[in-house]
Structure formats: structure tokens, C-alpha cells
């Protein structure tokens, strides 16, 4: 996943405001090491570091975001999972404001929302 994908997955699957800098830091060795970058900054220490770094601003959420990044990189959560989750989330959204049709016991009504 790209850092942009990591941020989108964080937002969609965890419901958290993503921190792009967390993902950039975790993947800091990607350019020099390629796939092997996962041997650096992809462990429990980085999770603790992010939680401590963000402290009162949402340290627990930052630790969860870092852990989720690692889980995604290990392919325990895939881009296919993200697509499925997006479908689930989009069906839970309320109807748009304006007029909509509602069916009650077989009778359709147009209502303002």
C-alpha cells in the first residue's frame, strides 16, 4: 500500500483521522531497502513510540494507526478488505438531504429529509 492508501484505510476501516506523517515515518526506509524496509520500524516499539509521541492529542489512536499500518504491510488486511469495508460503510450512510422515497408496509411516500 502507498501512504495515501494507508491513510484511506485508517479513515475507512478504523474511523480515525489519519496522520500521514506516521505512515511516512514508518516507511522511511522504503526507498533505500524496498520490500525489506519492513525489517525497520515495523514492530511493537514503533507502536509505543507513536502512542507516546502523540500523547494527549490521541496517543492511543496514533498507536492503533501505527499497528494497523504494520498489519496492512504484513497483508493481514488487504486492499480487497478495504473495498469490502467501503461497501459496508457506504450502505450505512443516511440518505442525502432533500427529497427521498420511503416505503412503509408496501406504500411508497416521498418525504423531505
Protein backbone atom coordinates (compact mmCIF):
# COMPACT_ATOMS: atom_id res chain seq x y z
CA UNK A 1 0.00 0.00 0.00
CA UNK A 2 1.07 3.55 -0.62
CA UNK A 3 0.99 6.03 2.25
CA UNK A 4 -2.14 7.52 0.68
CA UNK A 5 -3.74 4.05 0.75
CA UNK A 6 -2.68 3.58 4.38
CA UNK A 7 -4.35 6.88 5.27
CA UNK A 8 -7.55 5.97 3.43
CA UNK A 9 -7.63 2.55 5.12
CA UNK A 10 -7.14 4.20 8.52
CA UNK A 11 -10.03 6.55 7.84
CA UNK A 12 -12.42 3.96 6.38
CA UNK A 13 -11.67 0.86 8.45
CA UNK A 14 -10.76 2.42 11.80
CA UNK A 15 -12.82 5.58 11.64
CA UNK A 16 -9.81 7.64 12.71
CA UNK A 17 -8.44 10.87 11.29
CA UNK A 18 -5.26 9.69 9.56
CA UNK A 19 -1.83 11.10 10.29
CA UNK A 20 0.19 10.90 7.03
CA UNK A 21 3.41 11.64 8.92
CA UNK A 22 3.05 8.39 10.89
CA UNK A 23 2.95 6.36 7.68
CA UNK A 24 5.80 8.34 6.12
CA UNK A 25 7.96 7.72 9.18
CA UNK A 26 7.17 4.01 9.37
CA UNK A 27 8.01 3.58 5.67
CA UNK A 28 11.06 5.85 5.84
CA UNK A 29 13.44 3.12 4.65
CA UNK A 30 11.32 2.07 1.64
CA UNK A 31 13.35 3.95 -0.99
CA UNK A 32 16.66 2.51 0.14
CA UNK A 33 15.52 -1.01 1.10
CA UNK A 34 12.41 -1.77 -0.97
CA UNK A 35 10.29 -4.57 0.49
CA UNK A 36 12.98 -5.14 3.12
CA UNK A 37 12.08 -1.82 4.76
CA UNK A 38 9.64 -3.82 6.86
CA UNK A 39 12.55 -5.02 8.97
CA UNK A 40 12.81 -1.44 10.26
CA UNK A 41 10.10 0.45 12.18
CA UNK A 42 7.54 -2.33 11.78
CA UNK A 43 7.35 -3.65 15.34
CA UNK A 44 5.82 -3.00 18.75
CA UNK A 45 8.44 -0.35 19.53
CA UNK A 46 7.11 1.96 16.81
CA UNK A 47 3.56 1.46 18.11
CA UNK A 48 4.66 2.53 21.59
CA UNK A 49 6.70 5.41 20.17
CA UNK A 50 3.74 6.81 18.21
CA UNK A 51 1.42 6.46 21.22
CA UNK A 52 3.98 8.33 23.38
CA UNK A 53 4.72 10.94 20.72
CA UNK A 54 1.08 11.89 20.25
CA UNK A 55 0.30 11.60 23.96
CA UNK A 56 -2.70 13.71 24.94
CA UNK A 57 -3.54 14.50 21.29
CA UNK A 58 -4.72 10.95 20.78
CA UNK A 59 -1.75 8.80 21.60
CA UNK A 60 -3.80 5.63 21.83
CA UNK A 61 -5.27 6.32 18.38
CA UNK A 62 -1.80 7.00 16.96
CA UNK A 63 -0.58 3.68 18.35
CA UNK A 64 -3.57 1.91 16.80
CA UNK A 65 -2.89 3.65 13.49
CA UNK A 66 0.75 2.52 13.56
CA UNK A 67 -0.27 -1.04 14.43
CA UNK A 68 -2.83 -1.02 11.62
CA UNK A 69 -0.14 0.15 9.18
CA UNK A 70 2.01 -2.82 10.15
CA UNK A 71 -0.91 -5.23 9.88
CA UNK A 72 -1.65 -3.93 6.37
CA UNK A 73 2.01 -4.26 5.33
CA UNK A 74 2.01 -7.86 6.53
CA UNK A 75 -1.02 -8.46 4.27
CA UNK A 76 -3.23 -9.41 7.20
CA UNK A 77 -5.56 -6.67 5.94
CA UNK A 78 -5.59 -6.30 2.16
CA UNK A 79 -6.83 -3.74 -0.34
CA UNK A 80 -9.68 -6.17 -1.11
CA UNK A 81 -10.69 -5.94 2.56
CA UNK A 82 -10.72 -2.16 2.19
CA UNK A 83 -13.02 -2.38 -0.86
CA UNK A 84 -15.42 -4.66 1.02
CA UNK A 85 -15.37 -2.38 4.07
CA UNK A 86 -16.05 0.70 1.90
CA UNK A 87 -19.15 -1.08 0.57
CA UNK A 88 -20.36 -1.82 4.09
CA UNK A 89 -19.72 1.74 5.27
CA UNK A 90 -21.41 3.37 2.29
CA UNK A 91 -24.64 1.41 2.86
CA UNK A 92 -24.77 2.65 6.48
CA UNK A 93 -24.82 6.32 5.47
CA UNK A 94 -28.06 8.24 5.86
CA UNK A 95 -29.88 9.27 2.69
CA UNK A 96 -28.89 12.61 1.22
CA UNK A 97 -30.78 15.73 2.29
CA UNK A 98 -33.66 16.72 0.07
CA UNK A 99 -36.47 14.51 -1.22
CA UNK A 100 -36.30 10.78 -0.97
CA UNK A 101 -38.73 7.89 -1.32
CA UNK A 102 -39.53 5.80 1.73
CA UNK A 103 -41.52 2.58 1.64
CA UNK A 104 -43.73 1.70 4.61
CA UNK A 105 -45.69 -1.55 4.50
CA UNK A 106 -45.71 -1.62 0.74
CA UNK A 107 -46.72 2.04 0.24
CA UNK A 108 -44.16 4.50 -1.13
CA UNK A 109 -44.00 8.04 0.21
CA UNK A 110 -41.91 10.99 -0.96
CA UNK A 111 -40.54 12.81 2.05
CA UNK A 112 -38.19 15.69 2.74
CA UNK A 113 -35.12 14.80 4.70
